[in-house]
Amino acid sequence: MQHPNFFILYVNDPQASAAFYAQLLGRPAIEASPTFAMFALESGVMLGLWSRHTVEPTASAGGGGAEVAIALDSVNEVNATFERWMALGLPVIQAPTPMDFGYTFVATDPDAHRLRVFAANKE
């Protein structure tokens, strides 16, 4: 069975978004052009940032049309990530809070895509 291993966010400015994600992920893009950038994540999954102005066929999804979820092992890791992202100036739209699935917070990238960090409830 095939498993998804690449996802793409449509962005206004791929170069600005690549700089944002390079700082956030602590690694440079492995591919970059004026219309596209790609990151190899530790999990082996690839993250693409494609210009919403040049994607073909034209995409109807706009800014903020996606959520990237980052699973961490503990509440302490979530809180540490929250503090680091606050220091970087990321817009936070949900402060750290317990929810039915676990402990989470949500920030946004330059195109208003949601970045959810969470530690799942342990049974």
PDB file of N, CA and C in Angstrom:
ATOM      1  N   MET A   1       0.841  -1.178   0.000  1.00  0.00           N
ATOM      2  CA  MET A   1       0.000   0.000   0.000  1.00  0.00           C
ATOM      3  C   MET A   1       0.892   1.249   0.000  1.00  0.00           C
ATOM      4  N   GLN A   2       0.507   2.214  -0.778  1.00  0.00           N
ATOM      5  CA  GLN A   2       1.247   3.476  -0.846  1.00  0.00           C
ATOM      6  C   GLN A   2       0.803   4.397   0.280  1.00  0.00           C
ATOM      7  N   HIS A   3       1.742   5.100   0.882  1.00  0.00           N
ATOM      8  CA  HIS A   3       1.438   6.046   1.951  1.00  0.00           C
ATOM      9  C   HIS A   3       1.880   7.433   1.518  1.00  0.00           C
ATOM     10  N   PRO A   4       1.090   8.453   1.828  1.00  0.00           N
ATOM     11  CA  PRO A   4       1.496   9.812   1.465  1.00  0.00           C
ATOM     12  C   PRO A   4       2.852  10.143   2.083  1.00  0.00           C
ATOM     13  N   ASN A   5       3.720  10.744   1.292  1.00  0.00           N
ATOM     14  CA  ASN A   5       5.033  11.119   1.797  1.00  0.00           C
ATOM     15  C   ASN A   5       5.455  12.518   1.365  1.00  0.00           C
ATOM     16  N   PHE A   6       4.507  13.286   0.826  1.00  0.00           N
ATOM     17  CA  PHE A   6       4.818  14.627   0.337  1.00  0.00           C
ATOM     18  C   PHE A   6       3.553  15.449   0.452  1.00  0.00           C
ATOM     19  N   PHE A   7       3.650  16.629   1.036  1.00  0.00           N
ATOM     20  CA  PHE A   7       2.496  17.520   1.020  1.00  0.00           C
ATOM     21  C   PHE A   7       2.940  18.903   0.633  1.00  0.00           C
ATOM     22  N   ILE A   8       2.002  19.651   0.043  1.00  0.00           N
ATOM     23  CA  ILE A   8       2.300  20.969  -0.519  1.00  0.00           C
ATOM     24  C   ILE A   8       1.358  22.004   0.082  1.00  0.00           C
ATOM     25  N   LEU A   9       1.935  23.126   0.482  1.00  0.00           N
ATOM     26  CA  LEU A   9       1.155  24.289   0.887  1.00  0.00           C
ATOM     27  C   LEU A   9       1.267  25.323  -0.220  1.00  0.00           C
ATOM     28  N   TYR A  10       0.143  25.910  -0.613  1.00  0.00           N
ATOM     29  CA  TYR A  10       0.169  26.982  -1.591  1.00  0.00           C
ATOM     30  C   TYR A  10       0.424  28.278  -0.842  1.00  0.00           C
ATOM     31  N   VAL A  11       1.442  29.010  -1.279  1.00  0.00           N
ATOM     32  CA  VAL A  11       1.889  30.206  -0.565  1.00  0.00           C
ATOM     33  C   VAL A  11       1.972  31.400  -1.502  1.00  0.00           C
ATOM     34  N   ASN A  12       1.938  32.576  -0.932  1.00  0.00           N
ATOM     35  CA  ASN A  12       2.018  33.803  -1.710  1.00  0.00           C
ATOM     36  C   ASN A  12       3.434  34.046  -2.232  1.00  0.00           C
ATOM     37  N   ASP A  13       4.446  33.820  -1.389  1.00  0.00           N
ATOM     38  CA  ASP A  13       5.841  34.111  -1.721  1.00  0.00           C
ATOM     39  C   ASP A  13       6.699  32.932  -1.276  1.00  0.00           C
ATOM     40  N   PRO A  14       7.006  31.992  -2.167  1.00  0.00           N
ATOM     41  CA  PRO A  14       7.766  30.812  -1.773  1.00  0.00           C
ATOM     42  C   PRO A  14       9.116  31.116  -1.122  1.00  0.00           C
ATOM     43  N   GLN A  15       9.793  32.159  -1.569  1.00  0.00           N
ATOM     44  CA  GLN A  15      11.096  32.479  -0.976  1.00  0.00           C
ATOM     45  C   GLN A  15      10.943  32.960   0.463  1.00  0.00           C
ATOM     46  N   ALA A  16       9.948  33.802   0.737  1.00  0.00           N
ATOM     47  CA  ALA A  16       9.703  34.262   2.110  1.00  0.00           C
ATOM     48  C   ALA A  16       9.237  33.094   2.980  1.00  0.00           C
ATOM     49  N   SER A  17       8.358  32.245   2.445  1.00  0.00           N
ATOM     50  CA  SER A  17       7.896  31.086   3.203  1.00  0.00           C
ATOM     51  C   SER A  17       9.040  30.109   3.460  1.00  0.00           C
ATOM     52  N   ALA A  18       9.939  29.943   2.494  1.00  0.00           N
ATOM     53  CA  ALA A  18      11.093  29.059   2.688  1.00  0.00           C
ATOM     54  C   ALA A  18      11.986  29.592   3.813  1.00  0.00           C
ATOM     55  N   ALA A  19      12.184  30.890   3.876  1.00  0.00           N
ATOM     56  CA  ALA A  19      12.985  31.461   4.962  1.00  0.00           C
ATOM     57  C   ALA A  19      12.304  31.222   6.308  1.00  0.00           C
ATOM     58  N   PHE A  20      10.985  31.385   6.356  1.00  0.00           N
ATOM     59  CA  PHE A  20      10.222  31.144   7.578  1.00  0.00           C
ATOM     60  C   PHE A  20      10.374  29.689   8.031  1.00  0.00           C
ATOM     61  N   TYR A  21      10.134  28.740   7.125  1.00  0.00           N
ATOM     62  CA  TYR A  21      10.202  27.332   7.496  1.00  0.00           C
ATOM     63  C   TYR A  21      11.634  26.880   7.785  1.00  0.00           C
ATOM     64  N   ALA A  22      12.623  27.452   7.119  1.00  0.00           N
ATOM     65  CA  ALA A  22      14.020  27.114   7.427  1.00  0.00           C
ATOM     66  C   ALA A  22      14.336  27.476   8.875  1.00  0.00           C
ATOM     67  N   GLN A  23      13.881  28.637   9.321  1.00  0.00           N
ATOM     68  CA  GLN A  23      14.101  29.043  10.710  1.00  0.00           C
ATOM     69  C   GLN A  23      13.304  28.144  11.657  1.00  0.00           C
ATOM     70  N   LEU A  24      12.069  27.861  11.316  1.00  0.00           N
ATOM     71  CA  LEU A  24      11.200  27.059  12.163  1.00  0.00           C
ATOM     72  C   LEU A  24      11.706  25.619  12.292  1.00  0.00           C
ATOM     73  N   LEU A  25      12.132  25.033  11.180  1.00  0.00           N
ATOM     74  CA  LEU A  25      12.562  23.637  11.157  1.00  0.00           C
ATOM     75  C   LEU A  25      14.038  23.450  11.480  1.00  0.00           C
ATOM     76  N   GLY A  26      14.799  24.541  11.451  1.00  0.00           N
ATOM     77  CA  GLY A  26      16.225  24.439  11.730  1.00  0.00           C
ATOM     78  C   GLY A  26      17.009  23.743  10.631  1.00  0.00           C
ATOM     79  N   ARG A  27      16.526  23.887   9.396  1.00  0.00           N
ATOM     80  CA  ARG A  27      17.208  23.271   8.259  1.00  0.00           C
ATOM     81  C   ARG A  27      16.857  24.041   6.990  1.00  0.00           C
ATOM     82  N   PRO A  28      17.754  24.075   6.021  1.00  0.00           N
ATOM     83  CA  PRO A  28      17.465  24.790   4.771  1.00  0.00           C
ATOM     84  C   PRO A  28      16.597  23.956   3.838  1.00  0.00           C
ATOM     85  N   ALA A  29      15.990  24.617   2.893  1.00  0.00           N
ATOM     86  CA  ALA A  29      15.264  23.922   1.830  1.00  0.00           C
ATOM     87  C   ALA A  29      16.266  23.112   1.015  1.00  0.00           C
ATOM     88  N   ILE A  30      15.856  21.925   0.567  1.00  0.00           N
ATOM     89  CA  ILE A  30      16.747  21.117  -0.267  1.00  0.00           C
ATOM     90  C   ILE A  30      16.605  21.478  -1.740  1.00  0.00           C
ATOM     91  N   GLU A  31      15.556  22.228  -2.038  1.00  0.00           N
ATOM     92  CA  GLU A  31      15.320  22.716  -3.391  1.00  0.00           C
ATOM     93  C   GLU A  31      14.639  24.061  -3.264  1.00  0.00           C
ATOM     94  N   ALA A  32      15.042  25.027  -4.081  1.00  0.00           N
ATOM     95  CA  ALA A  32      14.405  26.347  -4.024  1.00  0.00           C
ATOM     96  C   ALA A  32      14.495  27.021  -5.380  1.00  0.00           C
ATOM     97  N   SER A  33      13.382  27.634  -5.768  1.00  0.00           N
ATOM     98  CA  SER A  33      13.313  28.430  -6.988  1.00  0.00           C
ATOM     99  C   SER A  33      12.373  29.593  -6.682  1.00  0.00           C
ATOM    100  N   PRO A  34      12.203  30.520  -7.595  1.00  0.00           N
ATOM    101  CA  PRO A  34      11.278  31.622  -7.318  1.00  0.00           C
ATOM    102  C   PRO A  34       9.830  31.178  -7.094  1.00  0.00           C
ATOM    103  N   THR A  35       9.454  29.991  -7.580  1.00  0.00           N
ATOM    104  CA  THR A  35       8.051  29.575  -7.463  1.00  0.00           C
ATOM    105  C   THR A  35       7.830  28.359  -6.560  1.00  0.00           C
ATOM    106  N   PHE A  36       8.903  27.751  -6.045  1.00  0.00           N
ATOM    107  CA  PHE A  36       8.756  26.516  -5.270  1.00  0.00           C
ATOM    108  C   PHE A  36       9.942  26.311  -4.337  1.00  0.00           C
ATOM    109  N   ALA A  37       9.667  25.752  -3.171  1.00  0.00           N
ATOM    110  CA  ALA A  37      10.734  25.331  -2.255  1.00  0.00           C
ATOM    111  C   ALA A  37      10.317  24.001  -1.639  1.00  0.00           C
ATOM    112  N   MET A  38      11.321  23.172  -1.301  1.00  0.00           N
ATOM    113  CA  MET A  38      11.025  21.864  -0.729  1.00  0.00           C
ATOM    114  C   MET A  38      11.952  21.583   0.444  1.00  0.00           C
ATOM    115  N   PHE A  39      11.348  21.027   1.516  1.00  0.00           N
ATOM    116  CA  PHE A  39      12.080  20.632   2.715  1.00  0.00           C
ATOM    117  C   PHE A  39      11.942  19.139   2.918  1.00  0.00           C
ATOM    118  N   ALA A  40      13.037  18.491   3.317  1.00  0.00           N
ATOM    119  CA  ALA A  40      13.017  17.086   3.732  1.00  0.00           C
ATOM    120  C   ALA A  40      12.907  17.084   5.253  1.00  0.00           C
ATOM    121  N   LEU A  41      11.831  16.531   5.772  1.00  0.00           N
ATOM    122  CA  LEU A  41      11.614  16.489   7.209  1.00  0.00           C
ATOM    123  C   LEU A  41      12.276  15.250   7.802  1.00  0.00           C
ATOM    124  N   GLU A  42      12.523  15.271   9.107  1.00  0.00           N
ATOM    125  CA  GLU A  42      13.196  14.151   9.771  1.00  0.00           C
ATOM    126  C   GLU A  42      12.465  12.829   9.559  1.00  0.00           C
ATOM    127  N   SER A  43      11.157  12.877   9.424  1.00  0.00           N
ATOM    128  CA  SER A  43      10.352  11.665   9.248  1.00  0.00           C
ATOM    129  C   SER A  43      10.497  11.062   7.853  1.00  0.00           C
ATOM    130  N   GLY A  44      11.114  11.804   6.939  1.00  0.00           N
ATOM    131  CA  GLY A  44      11.202  11.370   5.551  1.00  0.00           C
ATOM    132  C   GLY A  44      10.127  11.988   4.684  1.00  0.00           C
ATOM    133  N   VAL A  45       9.141  12.603   5.303  1.00  0.00           N
ATOM    134  CA  VAL A  45       8.086  13.293   4.561  1.00  0.00           C
ATOM    135  C   VAL A  45       8.668  14.590   3.985  1.00  0.00           C
ATOM    136  N   MET A  46       8.194  14.946   2.810  1.00  0.00           N
ATOM    137  CA  MET A  46       8.646  16.178   2.153  1.00  0.00           C
ATOM    138  C   MET A  46       7.563  17.245   2.287  1.00  0.00           C
ATOM    139  N   LEU A  47       7.992  18.475   2.512  1.00  0.00           N
ATOM    140  CA  LEU A  47       7.102  19.642   2.580  1.00  0.00           C
ATOM    141  C   LEU A  47       7.437  20.549   1.407  1.00  0.00           C
ATOM    142  N   GLY A  48       6.442  20.764   0.537  1.00  0.00           N
ATOM    143  CA  GLY A  48       6.623  21.668  -0.593  1.00  0.00           C
ATOM    144  C   GLY A  48       5.876  22.965  -0.365  1.00  0.00           C
ATOM    145  N   LEU A  49       6.452  24.062  -0.818  1.00  0.00           N
ATOM    146  CA  LEU A  49       5.839  25.397  -0.755  1.00  0.00           C
ATOM    147  C   LEU A  49       5.764  25.902  -2.189  1.00  0.00           C
ATOM    148  N   TRP A  50       4.565  25.936  -2.753  1.00  0.00           N
ATOM    149  CA  TRP A  50       4.385  26.256  -4.163  1.00  0.00           C
ATOM    150  C   TRP A  50       3.643  27.577  -4.280  1.00  0.00           C
ATOM    151  N   SER A  51       4.087  28.425  -5.172  1.00  0.00           N
ATOM    152  CA  SER A  51       3.439  29.715  -5.395  1.00  0.00           C
ATOM    153  C   SER A  51       1.998  29.506  -5.835  1.00  0.00           C
ATOM    154  N   ARG A  52       1.069  30.081  -5.080  1.00  0.00           N
ATOM    155  CA  ARG A  52      -0.345  29.974  -5.442  1.00  0.00           C
ATOM    156  C   ARG A  52      -0.619  30.673  -6.768  1.00  0.00           C
ATOM    157  N   HIS A  53       0.315  31.532  -7.213  1.00  0.00           N
ATOM    158  CA  HIS A  53       0.140  32.293  -8.450  1.00  0.00           C
ATOM    159  C   HIS A  53       0.578  31.514  -9.682  1.00  0.00           C
ATOM    160  N   THR A  54       1.346  30.420  -9.477  1.00  0.00           N
ATOM    161  CA  THR A  54       1.863  29.684 -10.633  1.00  0.00           C
ATOM    162  C   THR A  54       1.491  28.203 -10.636  1.00  0.00           C
ATOM    163  N   VAL A  55       0.840  27.704  -9.590  1.00  0.00           N
ATOM    164  CA  VAL A  55       0.481  26.290  -9.550  1.00  0.00           C
ATOM    165  C   VAL A  55      -0.476  25.967 -10.695  1.00  0.00           C
ATOM    166  N   GLU A  56      -0.260  24.802 -11.329  1.00  0.00           N
ATOM    167  CA  GLU A  56      -1.112  24.381 -12.437  1.00  0.00           C
ATOM    168  C   GLU A  56      -1.564  22.957 -12.200  1.00  0.00           C
ATOM    169  N   PRO A  57      -2.816  22.632 -12.362  1.00  0.00           N
ATOM    170  CA  PRO A  57      -3.890  23.578 -12.622  1.00  0.00           C
ATOM    171  C   PRO A  57      -4.100  24.495 -11.420  1.00  0.00           C
ATOM    172  N   THR A  58      -4.725  25.620 -11.680  1.00  0.00           N
ATOM    173  CA  THR A  58      -4.971  26.612 -10.645  1.00  0.00           C
ATOM    174  C   THR A  58      -5.677  25.974  -9.464  1.00  0.00           C
ATOM    175  N   ALA A  59      -5.180  26.300  -8.275  1.00  0.00           N
ATOM    176  CA  ALA A  59      -5.770  25.741  -7.050  1.00  0.00           C
ATOM    177  C   ALA A  59      -6.769  26.724  -6.458  1.00  0.00           C
ATOM    178  N   SER A  60      -7.834  26.193  -5.891  1.00  0.00           N
ATOM    179  CA  SER A  60      -8.832  27.065  -5.266  1.00  0.00           C
ATOM    180  C   SER A  60      -8.516  27.326  -3.800  1.00  0.00           C
ATOM    181  N   ALA A  61      -7.635  26.519  -3.191  1.00  0.00           N
ATOM    182  CA  ALA A  61      -7.293  26.712  -1.771  1.00  0.00           C
ATOM    183  C   ALA A  61      -6.526  28.011  -1.596  1.00  0.00           C
ATOM    184  N   GLY A  62      -6.922  28.760  -0.599  1.00  0.00           N
ATOM    185  CA  GLY A  62      -6.242  30.014  -0.310  1.00  0.00           C
ATOM    186  C   GLY A  62      -5.416  29.912   0.947  1.00  0.00           C
ATOM    187  N   GLY A  63      -4.854  31.033   1.354  1.00  0.00           N
ATOM    188  CA  GLY A  63      -4.072  31.084   2.581  1.00  0.00           C
ATOM    189  C   GLY A  63      -4.885  30.617   3.768  1.00  0.00           C
ATOM    190  N   GLY A  64      -4.239  29.900   4.655  1.00  0.00           N
ATOM    191  CA  GLY A  64      -4.931  29.390   5.829  1.00  0.00           C
ATOM    192  C   GLY A  64      -5.785  28.180   5.531  1.00  0.00           C
ATOM    193  N   GLY A  65      -5.635  27.630   4.340  1.00  0.00           N
ATOM    194  CA  GLY A  65      -6.459  26.504   3.941  1.00  0.00           C
ATOM    195  C   GLY A  65      -5.930  25.157   4.381  1.00  0.00           C
ATOM    196  N   ALA A  66      -4.881  25.146   5.208  1.00  0.00           N
ATOM    197  CA  ALA A  66      -4.313  23.868   5.639  1.00  0.00           C
ATOM    198  C   ALA A  66      -3.824  23.975   7.074  1.00  0.00           C
ATOM    199  N   GLU A  67      -3.688  22.811   7.701  1.00  0.00           N
ATOM    200  CA  GLU A  67      -3.129  22.737   9.048  1.00  0.00           C
ATOM    201  C   GLU A  67      -2.044  21.684   9.045  1.00  0.00           C
ATOM    202  N   VAL A  68      -0.865  22.058   9.517  1.00  0.00           N
ATOM    203  CA  VAL A  68       0.251  21.142   9.675  1.00  0.00           C
ATOM    204  C   VAL A  68       0.310  20.783  11.156  1.00  0.00           C
ATOM    205  N   ALA A  69       0.252  19.497  11.460  1.00  0.00           N
ATOM    206  CA  ALA A  69       0.270  19.054  12.853  1.00  0.00           C
ATOM    207  C   ALA A  69       1.628  18.445  13.187  1.00  0.00           C
ATOM    208  N   ILE A  70       2.131  18.812  14.352  1.00  0.00           N
ATOM    209  CA  ILE A  70       3.428  18.332  14.817  1.00  0.00           C
ATOM    210  C   ILE A  70       3.208  17.641  16.155  1.00  0.00           C
ATOM    211  N   ALA A  71       3.372  16.324  16.170  1.00  0.00           N
ATOM    212  CA  ALA A  71       3.169  15.540  17.387  1.00  0.00           C
ATOM    213  C   ALA A  71       4.465  15.482  18.192  1.00  0.00           C
ATOM    214  N   LEU A  72       4.369  15.816  19.464  1.00  0.00           N
ATOM    215  CA  LEU A  72       5.501  15.725  20.377  1.00  0.00           C
ATOM    216  C   LEU A  72       5.166  14.715  21.465  1.00  0.00           C
ATOM    217  N   ASP A  73       6.179  14.346  22.241  1.00  0.00           N
ATOM    218  CA  ASP A  73       6.004  13.275  23.219  1.00  0.00           C
ATOM    219  C   ASP A  73       5.438  13.715  24.558  1.00  0.00           C
ATOM    220  N   SER A  74       5.526  15.009  24.881  1.00  0.00           N
ATOM    221  CA  SER A  74       5.114  15.407  26.232  1.00  0.00           C
ATOM    222  C   SER A  74       4.597  16.839  26.272  1.00  0.00           C
ATOM    223  N   VAL A  75       3.862  17.123  27.336  1.00  0.00           N
ATOM    224  CA  VAL A  75       3.386  18.487  27.594  1.00  0.00           C
ATOM    225  C   VAL A  75       4.570  19.432  27.714  1.00  0.00           C
ATOM    226  N   ASN A  76       5.647  18.980  28.367  1.00  0.00           N
ATOM    227  CA  ASN A  76       6.838  19.830  28.517  1.00  0.00           C
ATOM    228  C   ASN A  76       7.430  20.208  27.172  1.00  0.00           C
ATOM    229  N   GLU A  77       7.450  19.272  26.212  1.00  0.00           N
ATOM    230  CA  GLU A  77       7.962  19.575  24.874  1.00  0.00           C
ATOM    231  C   GLU A  77       7.055  20.577  24.163  1.00  0.00           C
ATOM    232  N   VAL A  78       5.748  20.432  24.328  1.00  0.00           N
ATOM    233  CA  VAL A  78       4.807  21.391  23.736  1.00  0.00           C
ATOM    234  C   VAL A  78       5.064  22.777  24.303  1.00  0.00           C
ATOM    235  N   ASN A  79       5.197  22.878  25.625  1.00  0.00           N
ATOM    236  CA  ASN A  79       5.443  24.182  26.252  1.00  0.00           C
ATOM    237  C   ASN A  79       6.776  24.779  25.818  1.00  0.00           C
ATOM    238  N   ALA A  80       7.812  23.956  25.694  1.00  0.00           N
ATOM    239  CA  ALA A  80       9.120  24.454  25.244  1.00  0.00           C
ATOM    240  C   ALA A  80       9.041  24.964  23.806  1.00  0.00           C
ATOM    241  N   THR A  81       8.314  24.234  22.954  1.00  0.00           N
ATOM    242  CA  THR A  81       8.148  24.674  21.562  1.00  0.00           C
ATOM    243  C   THR A  81       7.357  25.969  21.511  1.00  0.00           C
ATOM    244  N   PHE A  82       6.314  26.079  22.331  1.00  0.00           N
ATOM    245  CA  PHE A  82       5.531  27.309  22.398  1.00  0.00           C
ATOM    246  C   PHE A  82       6.428  28.490  22.774  1.00  0.00           C
ATOM    247  N   GLU A  83       7.251  28.343  23.786  1.00  0.00           N
ATOM    248  CA  GLU A  83       8.147  29.427  24.211  1.00  0.00           C
ATOM    249  C   GLU A  83       9.131  29.808  23.108  1.00  0.00           C
ATOM    250  N   ARG A  84       9.681  28.800  22.417  1.00  0.00           N
ATOM    251  CA  ARG A  84      10.629  29.073  21.328  1.00  0.00           C
ATOM    252  C   ARG A  84       9.938  29.808  20.187  1.00  0.00           C
ATOM    253  N   TRP A  85       8.740  29.375  19.830  1.00  0.00           N
ATOM    254  CA  TRP A  85       8.020  30.020  18.738  1.00  0.00           C
ATOM    255  C   TRP A  85       7.571  31.423  19.115  1.00  0.00           C
ATOM    256  N   MET A  86       7.211  31.629  20.364  1.00  0.00           N
ATOM    257  CA  MET A  86       6.869  32.981  20.825  1.00  0.00           C
ATOM    258  C   MET A  86       8.082  33.894  20.688  1.00  0.00           C
ATOM    259  N   ALA A  87       9.269  33.391  21.045  1.00  0.00           N
ATOM    260  CA  ALA A  87      10.499  34.172  20.927  1.00  0.00           C
ATOM    261  C   ALA A  87      10.803  34.508  19.467  1.00  0.00           C
ATOM    262  N   LEU A  88      10.375  33.643  18.549  1.00  0.00           N
ATOM    263  CA  LEU A  88      10.560  33.898  17.120  1.00  0.00           C
ATOM    264  C   LEU A  88       9.501  34.856  16.562  1.00  0.00           C
ATOM    265  N   GLY A  89       8.477  35.148  17.370  1.00  0.00           N
ATOM    266  CA  GLY A  89       7.438  36.086  16.945  1.00  0.00           C
ATOM    267  C   GLY A  89       6.321  35.480  16.123  1.00  0.00           C
ATOM    268  N   LEU A  90       6.136  34.162  16.163  1.00  0.00           N
ATOM    269  CA  LEU A  90       5.042  33.560  15.404  1.00  0.00           C
ATOM    270  C   LEU A  90       3.698  33.996  15.970  1.00  0.00           C
ATOM    271  N   PRO A  91       2.734  34.296  15.100  1.00  0.00           N
ATOM    272  CA  PRO A  91       1.386  34.617  15.577  1.00  0.00           C
ATOM    273  C   PRO A  91       0.737  33.373  16.183  1.00  0.00           C
ATOM    274  N   VAL A  92       0.266  33.491  17.396  1.00  0.00           N
ATOM    275  CA  VAL A  92      -0.390  32.377  18.078  1.00  0.00           C
ATOM    276  C   VAL A  92      -1.891  32.635  18.068  1.00  0.00           C
ATOM    277  N   ILE A  93      -2.657  31.659  17.567  1.00  0.00           N
ATOM    278  CA  ILE A  93      -4.115  31.819  17.546  1.00  0.00           C
ATOM    279  C   ILE A  93      -4.795  30.948  18.594  1.00  0.00           C
ATOM    280  N   GLN A  94      -4.026  30.059  19.228  1.00  0.00           N
ATOM    281  CA  GLN A  94      -4.543  29.288  20.360  1.00  0.00           C
ATOM    282  C   GLN A  94      -3.370  29.029  21.296  1.00  0.00           C
ATOM    283  N   ALA A  95      -3.454  29.575  22.497  1.00  0.00           N
ATOM    284  CA  ALA A  95      -2.427  29.359  23.516  1.00  0.00           C
ATOM    285  C   ALA A  95      -2.462  27.896  23.960  1.00  0.00           C
ATOM    286  N   PRO A  96      -1.401  27.408  24.587  1.00  0.00           N
ATOM    287  CA  PRO A  96      -1.404  26.027  25.063  1.00  0.00           C
ATOM    288  C   PRO A  96      -2.628  25.738  25.932  1.00  0.00           C
ATOM    289  N   THR A  97      -3.288  24.646  25.595  1.00  0.00           N
ATOM    290  CA  THR A  97      -4.525  24.288  26.282  1.00  0.00           C
ATOM    291  C   THR A  97      -4.768  22.785  26.187  1.00  0.00           C
ATOM    292  N   PRO A  98      -5.381  22.203  27.210  1.00  0.00           N
ATOM    293  CA  PRO A  98      -5.784  20.801  27.090  1.00  0.00           C
ATOM    294  C   PRO A  98      -7.057  20.692  26.243  1.00  0.00           C
ATOM    295  N   MET A  99      -7.104  19.693  25.379  1.00  0.00           N
ATOM    296  CA  MET A  99      -8.294  19.414  24.570  1.00  0.00           C
ATOM    297  C   MET A  99      -8.579  17.925  24.684  1.00  0.00           C
ATOM    298  N   ASP A 100      -9.650  17.459  24.073  1.00  0.00           N
ATOM    299  CA  ASP A 100     -10.032  16.059  24.238  1.00  0.00           C
ATOM    300  C   ASP A 100      -8.978  15.088  23.714  1.00  0.00           C
ATOM    301  N   PHE A 101      -8.172  15.455  22.744  1.00  0.00           N
ATOM    302  CA  PHE A 101      -7.154  14.572  22.170  1.00  0.00           C
ATOM    303  C   PHE A 101      -5.790  14.712  22.827  1.00  0.00           C
ATOM    304  N   GLY A 102      -5.573  15.821  23.568  1.00  0.00           N
ATOM    305  CA  GLY A 102      -4.271  16.047  24.190  1.00  0.00           C
ATOM    306  C   GLY A 102      -4.044  17.518  24.482  1.00  0.00           C
ATOM    307  N   TYR A 103      -2.778  17.876  24.673  1.00  0.00           N
ATOM    308  CA  TYR A 103      -2.371  19.239  25.016  1.00  0.00           C
ATOM    309  C   TYR A 103      -1.827  19.886  23.751  1.00  0.00           C
ATOM    310  N   THR A 104      -2.273  21.106  23.426  1.00  0.00           N
ATOM    311  CA  THR A 104      -1.973  21.671  22.116  1.00  0.00           C
ATOM    312  C   THR A 104      -1.881  23.191  22.138  1.00  0.00           C
ATOM    313  N   PHE A 105      -1.224  23.739  21.114  1.00  0.00           N
ATOM    314  CA  PHE A 105      -1.329  25.161  20.778  1.00  0.00           C
ATOM    315  C   PHE A 105      -1.270  25.281  19.264  1.00  0.00           C
ATOM    316  N   VAL A 106      -1.710  26.434  18.748  1.00  0.00           N
ATOM    317  CA  VAL A 106      -1.723  26.654  17.301  1.00  0.00           C
ATOM    318  C   VAL A 106      -1.134  28.025  16.996  1.00  0.00           C
ATOM    319  N   ALA A 107      -0.171  28.043  16.066  1.00  0.00           N
ATOM    320  CA  ALA A 107       0.408  29.276  15.532  1.00  0.00           C
ATOM    321  C   ALA A 107       0.116  29.292  14.029  1.00  0.00           C
ATOM    322  N   THR A 108       0.514  30.358  13.355  1.00  0.00           N
ATOM    323  CA  THR A 108       0.300  30.429  11.907  1.00  0.00           C
ATOM    324  C   THR A 108       1.588  30.808  11.187  1.00  0.00           C
ATOM    325  N   ASP A 109       1.653  30.404   9.917  1.00  0.00           N
ATOM    326  CA  ASP A 109       2.779  30.781   9.069  1.00  0.00           C
ATOM    327  C   ASP A 109       2.437  32.073   8.330  1.00  0.00           C
ATOM    328  N   PRO A 110       3.314  32.589   7.466  1.00  0.00           N
ATOM    329  CA  PRO A 110       3.040  33.864   6.781  1.00  0.00           C
ATOM    330  C   PRO A 110       1.785  33.865   5.902  1.00  0.00           C
ATOM    331  N   ASP A 111       1.292  32.681   5.514  1.00  0.00           N
ATOM    332  CA  ASP A 111       0.091  32.591   4.690  1.00  0.00           C
ATOM    333  C   ASP A 111      -1.130  32.167   5.484  1.00  0.00           C
ATOM    334  N   ALA A 112      -1.022  32.209   6.809  1.00  0.00           N
ATOM    335  CA  ALA A 112      -2.110  31.873   7.741  1.00  0.00           C
ATOM    336  C   ALA A 112      -2.443  30.391   7.781  1.00  0.00           C
ATOM    337  N   HIS A 113      -1.541  29.523   7.247  1.00  0.00           N
ATOM    338  CA  HIS A 113      -1.725  28.089   7.451  1.00  0.00           C
ATOM    339  C   HIS A 113      -1.491  27.818   8.933  1.00  0.00           C
ATOM    340  N   ARG A 114      -2.316  26.946   9.518  1.00  0.00           N
ATOM    341  CA  ARG A 114      -2.210  26.639  10.941  1.00  0.00           C
ATOM    342  C   ARG A 114      -1.067  25.657  11.194  1.00  0.00           C
ATOM    343  N   LEU A 115      -0.338  25.900  12.263  1.00  0.00           N
ATOM    344  CA  LEU A 115       0.735  25.017  12.710  1.00  0.00           C
ATOM    345  C   LEU A 115       0.351  24.533  14.096  1.00  0.00           C
ATOM    346  N   ARG A 116      -0.194  23.330  14.195  1.00  0.00           N
ATOM    347  CA  ARG A 116      -0.655  22.793  15.474  1.00  0.00           C
ATOM    348  C   ARG A 116       0.427  21.884  16.069  1.00  0.00           C
ATOM    349  N   VAL A 117       0.813  22.201  17.292  1.00  0.00           N
ATOM    350  CA  VAL A 117       1.755  21.386  18.043  1.00  0.00           C
ATOM    351  C   VAL A 117       0.969  20.717  19.151  1.00  0.00           C
ATOM    352  N   PHE A 118       1.182  19.409  19.349  1.00  0.00           N
ATOM    353  CA  PHE A 118       0.390  18.732  20.379  1.00  0.00           C
ATOM    354  C   PHE A 118       1.130  17.533  20.958  1.00  0.00           C
ATOM    355  N   ALA A 119       0.727  17.174  22.159  1.00  0.00           N
ATOM    356  CA  ALA A 119       1.125  15.904  22.782  1.00  0.00           C
ATOM    357  C   ALA A 119      -0.176  15.167  23.039  1.00  0.00           C
ATOM    358  N   ALA A 120      -0.333  14.005  22.430  1.00  0.00           N
ATOM    359  CA  ALA A 120      -1.569  13.240  22.559  1.00  0.00           C
ATOM    360  C   ALA A 120      -1.724  12.713  23.983  1.00  0.00           C
ATOM    361  N   ASN A 121      -2.988  12.593  24.394  1.00  0.00           N
ATOM    362  CA  ASN A 121      -3.276  11.970  25.689  1.00  0.00           C
ATOM    363  C   ASN A 121      -2.735  10.552  25.671  1.00  0.00           C
ATOM    364  N   LYS A 122      -2.128  10.143  26.758  1.00  0.00           N
ATOM    365  CA  LYS A 122      -1.614   8.773  26.876  1.00  0.00           C
ATOM    366  C   LYS A 122      -2.603   7.955  27.662  1.00  0.00           C
ATOM    367  N   GLU A 123      -2.846   6.771  27.199  1.00  0.00           N
ATOM    368  CA  GLU A 123      -3.825   5.918  27.876  1.00  0.00           C
ATOM    369  C   GLU A 123      -3.167   5.041  28.902  1.00  0.00           C
TER     370      GLU A 123
END
